[in-house]
Amino acid sequence: MAITSFAGNSQPMALSEMAHSQVTITIGSPSVVEDIDFEYCGYECDYIEYAFHGNTPYENDYKTLLEENEDPNGSITFYLVKDGVETILDTNAYGTPYAFGSITNHESLAGYDINWLNVSILLGNGDYHIKTEIDFFGDVTEKTSHVYRLQPFNVAQADKTVKLESVQNGCIENGFDYSGLNWRRMHRLPAVFKIDAPVEEVSNYIGTNRTVKQIQEKVHYAYNLNTEPIPIAIGNLILTDMLLGNTITATDYNIFGDNLRDVEVVKITGSERTPLDQDRKSAWSFKLEDKVQNTVKRN
């Protein structure tokens, strides 16, 4: 796409019908939406996210967990579950723990940064779930993740995947307060990350004899991140959290891709979601562009 400029000689309104009487606005009580008594796991828990381990950051994946509990006397506990065996994540054996109440200025948070290489060494490869228990004033809630398939890095297995990473600071309204945390997140997605088009910005002026004279030209790239169907929770996390990050990087592992590694990007408008029938998974398309746009020619 190109943007060319020349220098030199040069609350939406609400629609209503006509009425002879004054309209009165009635404010009702908020309705209570009951939970649907339906087990979605039979449709969604078959989703598998590859978790690779290797000798380089390119080959080795990680997973960060972050939860909040406003009960200062409560607790947040993380587990790795493999073949029905639960392993509590409360030491640095499998990564970096952030115990409940220990994070300065964020005492209501708890987290864990899982290093899949450590997990493979101590617990072995295989299929893992992540289980979280939150004790809130004696009421214990539990949630279990989709499957993480841990295995050594393999080019063929990594084909048709994208590693999306973000680092967060600042506060997201209706989300986490990441102020001062430098909190990182990562998902390996069934996706393609590719160059969409070069973005060219050209500034010229008309000189004597109607001749176009160059002032400045700038070039950077726009990208598409197109996923296969993924659970709604992951798609929403990407849209409302990861792509709002202070730093966002994407690495494409497609064998016939554009060989894009650790490309630092920002999100631009144009995200699209295509839901599946009879399933809550959706395919997503995200529009991105270079964060660093320093290829500039000036006269």
Protein backbone atom coordinates (compact mmCIF):
# COMPACT_ATOMS: atom_id res chain seq x y z
CA MET A 1 0.00 0.00 0.00
CA ALA A 2 1.27 3.55 -0.58
CA ILE A 3 0.56 6.95 0.94
CA THR A 4 1.57 9.88 -1.27
CA SER A 5 1.38 13.55 -0.27
CA PHE A 6 2.35 16.72 -2.15
CA ALA A 7 3.43 19.91 -0.41
CA GLY A 8 3.33 23.36 -2.03
CA ASN A 9 0.20 24.69 -3.77
CA SER A 10 -2.02 23.57 -1.69
CA GLN A 11 -21.97 10.60 19.48
CA PRO A 12 -23.74 9.28 16.66
CA MET A 13 -27.16 10.80 16.29
CA ALA A 14 -29.98 8.49 17.28
CA LEU A 15 -32.76 8.18 14.71
CA SER A 16 -36.36 8.38 15.95
CA GLU A 17 -39.83 8.87 14.52
CA MET A 18 -41.82 12.09 14.90
CA ALA A 19 -43.98 11.96 18.05
CA HIS A 20 -46.63 14.16 19.62
CA SER A 21 -45.91 13.02 23.16
CA GLN A 22 -42.77 13.01 25.26
CA VAL A 23 -40.88 9.73 25.36
CA THR A 24 -40.15 8.44 28.86
CA ILE A 25 -37.03 6.32 29.35
CA THR A 26 -37.58 3.47 31.78
CA ILE A 27 -34.55 2.06 33.58
CA GLY A 28 -35.06 -1.53 34.65
CA SER A 29 -33.14 -3.72 37.05
CA PRO A 30 -30.19 -5.61 35.56
CA SER A 31 -31.08 -9.13 34.56
CA VAL A 32 -29.23 -12.11 36.00
CA VAL A 33 -27.77 -14.44 33.41
CA GLU A 34 -27.60 -18.01 34.64
CA ASP A 35 -24.74 -20.28 33.70
CA ILE A 36 -25.58 -22.77 30.99
CA ASP A 37 -25.50 -26.30 32.38
CA PHE A 38 -23.49 -27.76 29.52
CA GLU A 39 -20.13 -29.47 29.34
CA TYR A 40 -18.08 -27.76 26.63
CA CYS A 41 -14.99 -29.86 27.23
CA GLY A 42 -16.15 -32.57 24.86
CA TYR A 43 -15.98 -29.99 22.09
CA GLU A 44 -13.03 -27.81 23.17
CA CYS A 45 -10.64 -29.82 25.31
CA ASP A 46 -9.30 -31.65 22.27
CA TYR A 47 -7.30 -28.52 21.45
CA ILE A 48 -3.57 -29.24 21.68
CA GLU A 49 -0.83 -26.62 21.94
CA TYR A 50 2.68 -27.82 21.14
CA ALA A 51 5.29 -27.02 23.79
CA PHE A 52 8.81 -27.55 22.49
CA HIS A 53 12.07 -27.72 24.37
CA GLY A 54 15.54 -27.24 22.91
CA ASN A 55 18.90 -25.56 23.30
CA THR A 56 18.06 -22.08 21.98
CA PRO A 57 15.28 -19.53 22.59
CA TYR A 58 14.06 -20.30 19.06
CA GLU A 59 13.56 -23.96 20.00
CA ASN A 60 12.55 -23.64 23.66
CA ASP A 61 9.03 -22.58 24.69
CA TYR A 62 7.70 -21.29 28.00
CA LYS A 63 4.33 -20.69 29.59
CA THR A 64 3.45 -18.02 32.16
CA LEU A 65 0.52 -18.25 34.56
CA LEU A 66 -0.99 -15.24 36.31
CA GLU A 67 -4.07 -15.14 38.54
CA GLU A 68 -5.64 -12.67 40.98
CA ASN A 69 -7.34 -13.20 44.36
CA GLU A 70 -8.69 -10.26 46.38
CA ASP A 71 -8.84 -12.38 49.55
CA PRO A 72 -5.57 -11.58 51.41
CA ASN A 73 -5.94 -14.76 53.47
CA GLY A 74 -6.76 -16.90 50.47
CA SER A 75 -4.46 -18.76 48.12
CA ILE A 76 -3.61 -19.44 44.48
CA THR A 77 -2.06 -22.80 43.62
CA PHE A 78 -0.79 -24.04 40.25
CA TYR A 79 -0.27 -27.67 39.21
CA LEU A 80 1.07 -29.56 36.22
CA VAL A 81 -1.05 -32.64 35.53
CA LYS A 82 0.27 -35.57 33.50
CA ASP A 83 -1.40 -38.99 33.33
CA GLY A 84 -3.51 -38.06 36.34
CA VAL A 85 -0.50 -37.19 38.51
CA GLU A 86 -0.45 -33.63 39.90
CA THR A 87 2.83 -31.77 40.44
CA ILE A 88 2.55 -28.55 42.44
CA LEU A 89 4.37 -25.53 41.01
CA ASP A 90 5.74 -23.77 44.09
CA THR A 91 9.54 -23.99 43.67
CA ASN A 92 12.03 -23.03 40.98
CA ALA A 93 12.42 -26.65 39.86
CA TYR A 94 10.18 -26.17 36.83
CA GLY A 95 10.60 -22.44 36.28
CA THR A 96 10.17 -19.23 38.27
CA PRO A 97 7.51 -18.98 41.02
CA TYR A 98 5.76 -15.75 42.04
CA ALA A 99 4.01 -16.73 45.26
CA PHE A 100 0.70 -15.21 46.29
CA GLY A 101 1.33 -12.01 48.24
CA SER A 102 5.01 -11.81 47.29
CA ILE A 103 4.85 -9.44 44.31
CA THR A 104 5.52 -5.88 45.48
CA ASN A 105 2.54 -3.56 44.84
CA HIS A 106 0.66 -6.56 43.41
CA GLU A 107 -0.01 -8.64 46.52
CA SER A 108 -3.30 -9.97 45.10
CA LEU A 109 -1.47 -11.70 42.22
CA ALA A 110 0.33 -15.01 41.94
CA GLY A 111 2.16 -16.40 38.96
CA TYR A 112 4.50 -19.02 37.59
CA ASP A 113 6.84 -18.94 34.59
CA ILE A 114 7.11 -22.53 33.32
CA ASN A 115 10.34 -23.56 31.58
CA TRP A 116 9.35 -26.53 29.45
CA LEU A 117 12.97 -27.70 29.19
CA ASN A 118 13.11 -28.13 32.98
CA VAL A 119 9.77 -29.94 32.92
CA SER A 120 11.00 -32.37 30.25
CA ILE A 121 14.13 -33.18 32.26
CA LEU A 122 12.31 -33.77 35.57
CA LEU A 123 8.92 -35.11 34.50
CA GLY A 124 9.43 -36.23 30.91
CA ASN A 125 7.71 -35.48 27.62
CA GLY A 126 4.02 -36.04 27.08
CA ASP A 127 0.62 -34.36 27.37
CA TYR A 128 0.12 -31.92 30.24
CA HIS A 129 -2.77 -29.91 31.61
CA ILE A 130 -2.31 -26.89 33.88
CA LYS A 131 -4.64 -26.84 36.88
CA THR A 132 -5.31 -23.74 38.97
CA GLU A 133 -7.00 -23.63 42.39
CA ILE A 134 -8.11 -20.34 43.96
CA ASP A 135 -9.30 -20.21 47.58
CA PHE A 136 -11.48 -17.10 47.91
CA PHE A 137 -12.85 -16.73 51.45
CA GLY A 138 -13.12 -20.50 51.75
CA ASP A 139 -14.77 -21.01 48.37
CA VAL A 140 -12.32 -23.01 46.25
CA THR A 141 -12.64 -22.76 42.48
CA GLU A 142 -10.70 -24.89 40.03
CA LYS A 143 -9.96 -24.62 36.34
CA THR A 144 -8.02 -26.81 33.95
CA SER A 145 -6.30 -25.78 30.72
CA HIS A 146 -6.22 -27.38 27.31
CA VAL A 147 -3.46 -29.90 26.51
CA TYR A 148 0.18 -28.84 26.18
CA ARG A 149 2.05 -31.51 24.19
CA LEU A 150 5.65 -31.37 25.41
CA GLN A 151 8.30 -32.77 23.08
CA PRO A 152 11.78 -31.98 21.72
CA PHE A 153 11.85 -29.28 19.08
CA ASN A 154 11.31 -30.70 15.61
CA VAL A 155 11.18 -28.65 12.41
CA ALA A 156 8.45 -30.81 10.91
CA GLN A 157 6.27 -30.68 14.05
CA ALA A 158 6.78 -26.91 14.38
CA ASP A 159 5.68 -26.38 10.78
CA LYS A 160 2.49 -24.32 10.45
CA THR A 161 2.93 -22.75 13.90
CA VAL A 162 3.73 -19.24 15.11
CA LYS A 163 5.28 -18.25 18.44
CA LEU A 164 3.59 -15.07 19.66
CA GLU A 165 5.18 -13.30 22.64
CA SER A 166 4.41 -10.13 24.55
CA VAL A 167 5.79 -8.15 27.49
CA GLN A 168 3.33 -6.11 29.53
CA ASN A 169 3.55 -3.02 31.69
CA GLY A 170 0.77 -0.60 32.54
CA CYS A 171 -2.84 -1.28 33.44
CA ILE A 172 -5.50 -2.86 31.22
CA GLU A 173 -8.99 -1.80 32.26
CA ASN A 174 -11.13 -4.93 32.75
CA GLY A 175 -7.85 -6.85 32.80
CA PHE A 176 -4.63 -7.10 34.79
CA ASP A 177 -2.66 -4.24 36.28
CA TYR A 178 0.82 -5.02 34.94
CA SER A 179 2.41 -1.79 36.19
CA GLY A 180 6.10 -2.43 36.79
CA LEU A 181 5.85 -6.19 36.20
CA ASN A 182 7.44 -6.61 32.76
CA TRP A 183 5.22 -9.67 32.55
CA ARG A 184 5.85 -11.91 29.56
CA ARG A 185 3.37 -14.21 27.83
CA MET A 186 3.73 -16.74 25.04
CA HIS A 187 1.44 -18.89 22.91
CA ARG A 188 2.41 -21.26 20.11
CA LEU A 189 -0.46 -20.98 17.66
CA PRO A 190 -1.53 -23.07 14.68
CA ALA A 191 -1.07 -20.13 12.35
CA VAL A 192 0.80 -18.35 9.59
CA PHE A 193 2.65 -15.08 10.12
CA LYS A 194 3.54 -13.49 6.80
CA ILE A 195 4.25 -10.22 5.06
CA ASP A 196 1.08 -8.62 3.77
CA ALA A 197 2.54 -5.70 1.82
CA PRO A 198 5.16 -2.98 2.02
CA VAL A 199 3.82 0.32 3.33
CA GLU A 200 5.31 3.29 1.48
CA GLU A 201 4.99 6.90 2.54
CA VAL A 202 6.10 9.37 -0.11
CA SER A 203 6.35 13.13 0.33
CA ASN A 204 7.04 15.20 -2.79
CA TYR A 205 6.51 18.71 -4.07
CA ILE A 206 6.05 20.23 -7.49
CA GLY A 207 9.03 22.29 -8.51
CA THR A 208 9.76 24.45 -11.47
CA ASN A 209 8.63 23.22 -14.86
CA ARG A 210 6.02 21.07 -13.05
CA THR A 211 8.74 18.59 -12.01
CA VAL A 212 8.12 16.29 -9.02
CA LYS A 213 10.82 16.73 -6.37
CA GLN A 214 11.41 14.25 -3.55
CA ILE A 215 11.21 15.40 0.06
CA GLN A 216 11.13 12.09 1.93
CA GLU A 217 10.27 8.43 1.42
CA LYS A 218 9.71 5.83 4.14
CA VAL A 219 9.15 2.07 3.82
CA HIS A 220 8.06 -0.55 6.36
CA TYR A 221 6.07 -3.77 6.28
CA ALA A 222 2.53 -4.76 7.22
CA TYR A 223 1.86 -8.36 8.29
CA ASN A 224 -1.00 -10.83 8.65
CA LEU A 225 -1.27 -13.27 11.53
CA ASN A 226 -3.87 -15.85 10.49
CA THR A 227 -4.75 -18.64 12.92
CA GLU A 228 -6.50 -21.95 12.54
CA PRO A 229 -9.55 -22.39 14.81
CA ILE A 230 -8.49 -21.83 18.43
CA PRO A 231 -10.49 -21.74 21.70
CA ILE A 232 -12.31 -18.50 22.39
CA ALA A 233 -10.30 -17.92 25.58
CA ILE A 234 -7.01 -17.92 23.68
CA GLY A 235 -8.33 -15.67 20.91
CA ASN A 236 -9.67 -13.17 23.44
CA LEU A 237 -6.39 -13.23 25.40
CA ILE A 238 -4.47 -12.41 22.23
CA LEU A 239 -6.82 -9.58 21.23
CA THR A 240 -7.42 -7.96 24.62
CA ASP A 241 -4.07 -8.62 26.30
CA MET A 242 -1.09 -9.82 24.30
CA LEU A 243 -1.57 -7.49 21.33
CA LEU A 244 -1.86 -4.56 23.76
CA GLY A 245 1.64 -5.32 25.02
CA ASN A 246 4.47 -2.84 25.31
CA THR A 247 6.54 -5.31 23.30
CA ILE A 248 5.06 -7.82 20.83
CA THR A 249 7.17 -10.25 18.83
CA ALA A 250 6.19 -12.95 16.36
CA THR A 251 8.23 -15.83 14.95
CA ASP A 252 6.95 -17.91 12.03
CA TYR A 253 7.91 -21.61 11.87
CA ASN A 254 6.25 -22.43 8.55
CA ILE A 255 8.70 -24.30 6.36
CA PHE A 256 7.59 -22.41 3.25
CA GLY A 257 7.04 -19.12 5.07
CA ASP A 258 8.82 -15.77 4.92
CA ASN A 259 11.51 -16.77 7.48
CA LEU A 260 10.33 -14.15 9.98
CA ARG A 261 12.02 -14.45 13.38
CA ASP A 262 11.50 -12.26 16.44
CA VAL A 263 9.79 -9.54 14.41
CA GLU A 264 8.72 -6.72 16.73
CA VAL A 265 5.28 -5.53 15.70
CA VAL A 266 2.32 -3.40 16.75
CA LYS A 267 -1.35 -4.13 16.13
CA ILE A 268 -3.31 -2.03 13.67
CA THR A 269 -7.04 -2.02 12.99
CA GLY A 270 -8.69 -4.75 10.98
CA SER A 271 -8.83 -7.83 13.24
CA GLU A 272 -11.36 -10.43 12.12
CA ARG A 273 -12.89 -13.46 13.84
CA THR A 274 -14.53 -16.34 11.96
CA PRO A 275 -16.44 -18.64 14.35
CA LEU A 276 -17.12 -22.27 13.57
CA ASP A 277 -20.59 -23.79 13.53
CA GLN A 278 -21.37 -26.09 16.47
CA ASP A 279 -18.12 -25.11 18.17
CA ARG A 280 -16.83 -22.18 20.22
CA LYS A 281 -13.46 -22.19 18.48
CA SER A 282 -12.76 -19.47 15.92
CA ALA A 283 -10.18 -18.64 13.28
CA TRP A 284 -8.65 -15.19 13.74
CA SER A 285 -6.90 -12.73 11.45
CA PHE A 286 -4.81 -9.98 13.04
CA LYS A 287 -3.30 -7.02 11.20
CA LEU A 288 0.18 -5.97 12.34
CA GLU A 289 2.99 -3.72 11.20
CA ASP A 290 6.63 -3.03 12.07
CA LYS A 291 7.13 -1.30 15.40
CA VAL A 292 10.47 0.11 14.24
CA GLN A 293 9.96 2.10 11.04
CA ASN A 294 13.41 3.55 10.43
CA THR A 295 13.97 2.92 6.70
CA VAL A 296 13.73 6.56 5.64
CA LYS A 297 15.27 8.51 2.76
CA ARG A 298 15.41 12.33 3.10
CA ASN A 299 16.72 15.09 0.86
